[in-house]
Amino acid sequence: MGAINTAFGFGLYALLVFVGLNLFVAQIIAHVTGATFNYFMFRRHVFRNMDHPIGRYGLSYVFNYLVSVSCLAILHIFIRSPYLAGLGTIVTTAMLNFFVLKFFVFRPTRASAS
C-alpha cells in the first residue's frame, strides 16, 4: 500500500513539474493531494481497527511537509534535476511518514488493544 501512495505522490509531483510548475509549488500541491489520498488508503487498508483522529493525522502531515520541503531544498542544491531531487525527497519522507503514522496517528483502539 505504501508503494501505491508513494507512486501517487511522486507521479503527481513529476506531472506538475513537467507542465511547468516550480518544484516547491508542485510539492505543496502534491503533498496536500497525497495526504488526502493517503488518509483514506491508510485508514482503510493499512491501519484497520485503529483510532484515526484527523487532528493527529493533520499534524503528522504538517511535520512531514516541513521535513519534505527542507529535504527537497537541500537535495536540489546537489541534484539539479527536480525529478531526482523530488524522488530522493519522497523516498526519505515516505519511510519517516510510515513510522509517524504507525506510532502517533493510527494507534490501536482501546477495544482492540485489550
C-alpha atoms as a PDB file:
ATOM      1  CA  MET A   1       0.000   0.000   0.000  1.00  0.00           C
ATOM      2  CA  GLY A   2       2.851   2.365   0.803  1.00  0.00           C
ATOM      3  CA  ALA A   3       4.279   1.889  -2.685  1.00  0.00           C
ATOM      4  CA  ILE A   4       0.960   2.913  -4.252  1.00  0.00           C
ATOM      5  CA  ASN A   5       0.755   6.018  -2.079  1.00  0.00           C
ATOM      6  CA  THR A   6       4.381   6.936  -2.815  1.00  0.00           C
ATOM      7  CA  ALA A   7       3.886   6.396  -6.553  1.00  0.00           C
ATOM      8  CA  PHE A   8       0.754   8.540  -6.469  1.00  0.00           C
ATOM      9  CA  GLY A   9       2.552  11.394  -4.687  1.00  0.00           C
ATOM     10  CA  PHE A  10       5.649  11.288  -6.864  1.00  0.00           C
ATOM     11  CA  GLY A  11       3.619  10.860 -10.054  1.00  0.00           C
ATOM     12  CA  LEU A  12       1.580  13.957  -9.292  1.00  0.00           C
ATOM     13  CA  TYR A  13       4.713  15.926  -8.327  1.00  0.00           C
ATOM     14  CA  ALA A  14       6.514  14.868 -11.541  1.00  0.00           C
ATOM     15  CA  LEU A  15       3.480  15.729 -13.667  1.00  0.00           C
ATOM     16  CA  LEU A  16       3.209  19.192 -12.114  1.00  0.00           C
ATOM     17  CA  VAL A  17       6.937  19.845 -12.646  1.00  0.00           C
ATOM     18  CA  PHE A  18       6.619  18.561 -16.223  1.00  0.00           C
ATOM     19  CA  VAL A  19       3.813  21.038 -17.004  1.00  0.00           C
ATOM     20  CA  GLY A  20       5.997  23.871 -15.767  1.00  0.00           C
ATOM     21  CA  LEU A  21       5.254  24.452 -12.099  1.00  0.00           C
ATOM     22  CA  ASN A  22       8.065  25.399  -9.760  1.00  0.00           C
ATOM     23  CA  LEU A  23       9.251  22.322  -7.862  1.00  0.00           C
ATOM     24  CA  PHE A  24       8.202  23.774  -4.487  1.00  0.00           C
ATOM     25  CA  VAL A  25       4.727  24.713  -5.768  1.00  0.00           C
ATOM     26  CA  ALA A  26       4.416  21.239  -7.288  1.00  0.00           C
ATOM     27  CA  GLN A  27       5.491  19.743  -3.978  1.00  0.00           C
ATOM     28  CA  ILE A  28       2.853  21.528  -1.867  1.00  0.00           C
ATOM     29  CA  ILE A  29       0.074  20.640  -4.303  1.00  0.00           C
ATOM     30  CA  ALA A  30       1.210  17.007  -4.480  1.00  0.00           C
ATOM     31  CA  HIS A  31       1.662  16.905  -0.703  1.00  0.00           C
ATOM     32  CA  VAL A  32      -1.848  18.151   0.120  1.00  0.00           C
ATOM     33  CA  THR A  33      -3.449  15.935  -2.533  1.00  0.00           C
ATOM     34  CA  GLY A  34      -1.331  12.972  -1.475  1.00  0.00           C
ATOM     35  CA  ALA A  35      -2.150  13.490   2.209  1.00  0.00           C
ATOM     36  CA  THR A  36      -5.857  13.314   1.423  1.00  0.00           C
ATOM     37  CA  PHE A  37      -5.412  10.221  -0.761  1.00  0.00           C
ATOM     38  CA  ASN A  38      -3.171   8.586   1.851  1.00  0.00           C
ATOM     39  CA  TYR A  39      -5.568   9.221   4.714  1.00  0.00           C
ATOM     40  CA  PHE A  40      -8.279   7.125   3.118  1.00  0.00           C
ATOM     41  CA  MET A  41      -5.913   4.443   1.861  1.00  0.00           C
ATOM     42  CA  PHE A  42      -4.002   4.054   5.138  1.00  0.00           C
ATOM     43  CA  ARG A  43      -7.122   4.212   7.270  1.00  0.00           C
ATOM     44  CA  ARG A  44      -8.961   1.617   5.248  1.00  0.00           C
ATOM     45  CA  HIS A  45      -6.239  -0.781   4.137  1.00  0.00           C
ATOM     46  CA  VAL A  46      -3.203  -0.495   6.392  1.00  0.00           C
ATOM     47  CA  PHE A  47      -4.246   0.510   9.888  1.00  0.00           C
ATOM     48  CA  ARG A  48      -7.657  -1.182  10.260  1.00  0.00           C
ATOM     49  CA  ASN A  49      -9.386  -1.165  13.655  1.00  0.00           C
ATOM     50  CA  MET A  50      -7.303   1.747  14.821  1.00  0.00           C
ATOM     51  CA  ASP A  51      -8.096   5.179  16.157  1.00  0.00           C
ATOM     52  CA  HIS A  52      -7.580   7.668  13.372  1.00  0.00           C
ATOM     53  CA  PRO A  53      -8.261  11.158  14.635  1.00  0.00           C
ATOM     54  CA  ILE A  54      -7.933  13.702  11.881  1.00  0.00           C
ATOM     55  CA  GLY A  55      -6.077  16.170  14.157  1.00  0.00           C
ATOM     56  CA  ARG A  56      -3.092  13.895  14.734  1.00  0.00           C
ATOM     57  CA  TYR A  57      -3.120  12.949  11.070  1.00  0.00           C
ATOM     58  CA  GLY A  58      -3.072  16.597  10.000  1.00  0.00           C
ATOM     59  CA  LEU A  59      -0.298  17.409  12.458  1.00  0.00           C
ATOM     60  CA  SER A  60       1.767  14.477  11.194  1.00  0.00           C
ATOM     61  CA  TYR A  61       1.460  15.750   7.623  1.00  0.00           C
ATOM     62  CA  VAL A  62       2.444  19.287   8.630  1.00  0.00           C
ATOM     63  CA  PHE A  63       5.563  17.777  10.226  1.00  0.00           C
ATOM     64  CA  ASN A  64       6.094  15.601   7.152  1.00  0.00           C
ATOM     65  CA  TYR A  65       5.764  18.621   4.868  1.00  0.00           C
ATOM     66  CA  LEU A  66       8.338  20.623   6.836  1.00  0.00           C
ATOM     67  CA  VAL A  67      10.791  17.714   6.651  1.00  0.00           C
ATOM     68  CA  SER A  68       9.943  17.227   2.981  1.00  0.00           C
ATOM     69  CA  VAL A  69      10.436  20.847   1.905  1.00  0.00           C
ATOM     70  CA  SER A  70      13.716  21.008   3.843  1.00  0.00           C
ATOM     71  CA  CYS A  71      14.906  17.789   2.245  1.00  0.00           C
ATOM     72  CA  LEU A  72      13.906  18.993  -1.239  1.00  0.00           C
ATOM     73  CA  ALA A  73      15.712  22.305  -0.765  1.00  0.00           C
ATOM     74  CA  ILE A  74      18.909  20.559   0.367  1.00  0.00           C
ATOM     75  CA  LEU A  75      18.804  17.850  -2.302  1.00  0.00           C
ATOM     76  CA  HIS A  76      18.083  20.384  -5.053  1.00  0.00           C
ATOM     77  CA  ILE A  77      21.374  22.133  -4.223  1.00  0.00           C
ATOM     78  CA  PHE A  78      23.270  18.936  -5.030  1.00  0.00           C
ATOM     79  CA  ILE A  79      20.907  17.334  -7.544  1.00  0.00           C
ATOM     80  CA  ARG A  80      19.813  19.868 -10.143  1.00  0.00           C
ATOM     81  CA  SER A  81      17.110  17.646 -11.624  1.00  0.00           C
ATOM     82  CA  PRO A  82      13.808  18.452  -9.904  1.00  0.00           C
ATOM     83  CA  TYR A  83      12.666  14.895 -10.659  1.00  0.00           C
ATOM     84  CA  LEU A  84      15.628  13.204  -8.969  1.00  0.00           C
ATOM     85  CA  ALA A  85      15.585  15.651  -6.051  1.00  0.00           C
ATOM     86  CA  GLY A  86      11.850  15.008  -5.671  1.00  0.00           C
ATOM     87  CA  LEU A  87      12.340  11.258  -5.841  1.00  0.00           C
ATOM     88  CA  GLY A  88      15.043  11.368  -3.160  1.00  0.00           C
ATOM     89  CA  THR A  89      12.791  13.508  -1.015  1.00  0.00           C
ATOM     90  CA  ILE A  90       9.722  11.311  -1.329  1.00  0.00           C
ATOM     91  CA  VAL A  91      11.617   8.112  -0.591  1.00  0.00           C
ATOM     92  CA  THR A  92      13.113   9.649   2.553  1.00  0.00           C
ATOM     93  CA  THR A  93       9.911  11.197   3.833  1.00  0.00           C
ATOM     94  CA  ALA A  94       7.727   8.192   2.950  1.00  0.00           C
ATOM     95  CA  MET A  95       9.711   5.998   5.311  1.00  0.00           C
ATOM     96  CA  LEU A  96       9.592   8.603   8.073  1.00  0.00           C
ATOM     97  CA  ASN A  97       5.885   9.151   7.490  1.00  0.00           C
ATOM     98  CA  PHE A  98       5.059   5.451   7.860  1.00  0.00           C
ATOM     99  CA  PHE A  99       6.563   5.366  11.353  1.00  0.00           C
ATOM    100  CA  VAL A 100       4.903   8.626  12.380  1.00  0.00           C
ATOM    101  CA  LEU A 101       1.536   7.310  11.193  1.00  0.00           C
ATOM    102  CA  LYS A 102       2.036   3.929  12.845  1.00  0.00           C
ATOM    103  CA  PHE A 103       3.145   5.177  16.266  1.00  0.00           C
ATOM    104  CA  PHE A 104       1.499   8.603  16.521  1.00  0.00           C
ATOM    105  CA  VAL A 105      -1.645   8.657  14.399  1.00  0.00           C
ATOM    106  CA  PHE A 106      -3.169   5.215  13.796  1.00  0.00           C
ATOM    107  CA  ARG A 107      -2.912   3.619  17.218  1.00  0.00           C
ATOM    108  CA  PRO A 108      -4.928   0.572  18.257  1.00  0.00           C
ATOM    109  CA  THR A 109      -8.343   1.358  19.672  1.00  0.00           C
ATOM    110  CA  ARG A 110      -8.856   0.553  23.325  1.00  0.00           C
ATOM    111  CA  ALA A 111     -11.218  -2.291  22.476  1.00  0.00           C
ATOM    112  CA  SER A 112      -8.761  -3.948  20.059  1.00  0.00           C
ATOM    113  CA  ALA A 113      -5.751  -3.343  22.327  1.00  0.00           C
ATOM    114  CA  SER A 114      -7.209  -5.465  25.159  1.00  0.00           C
END
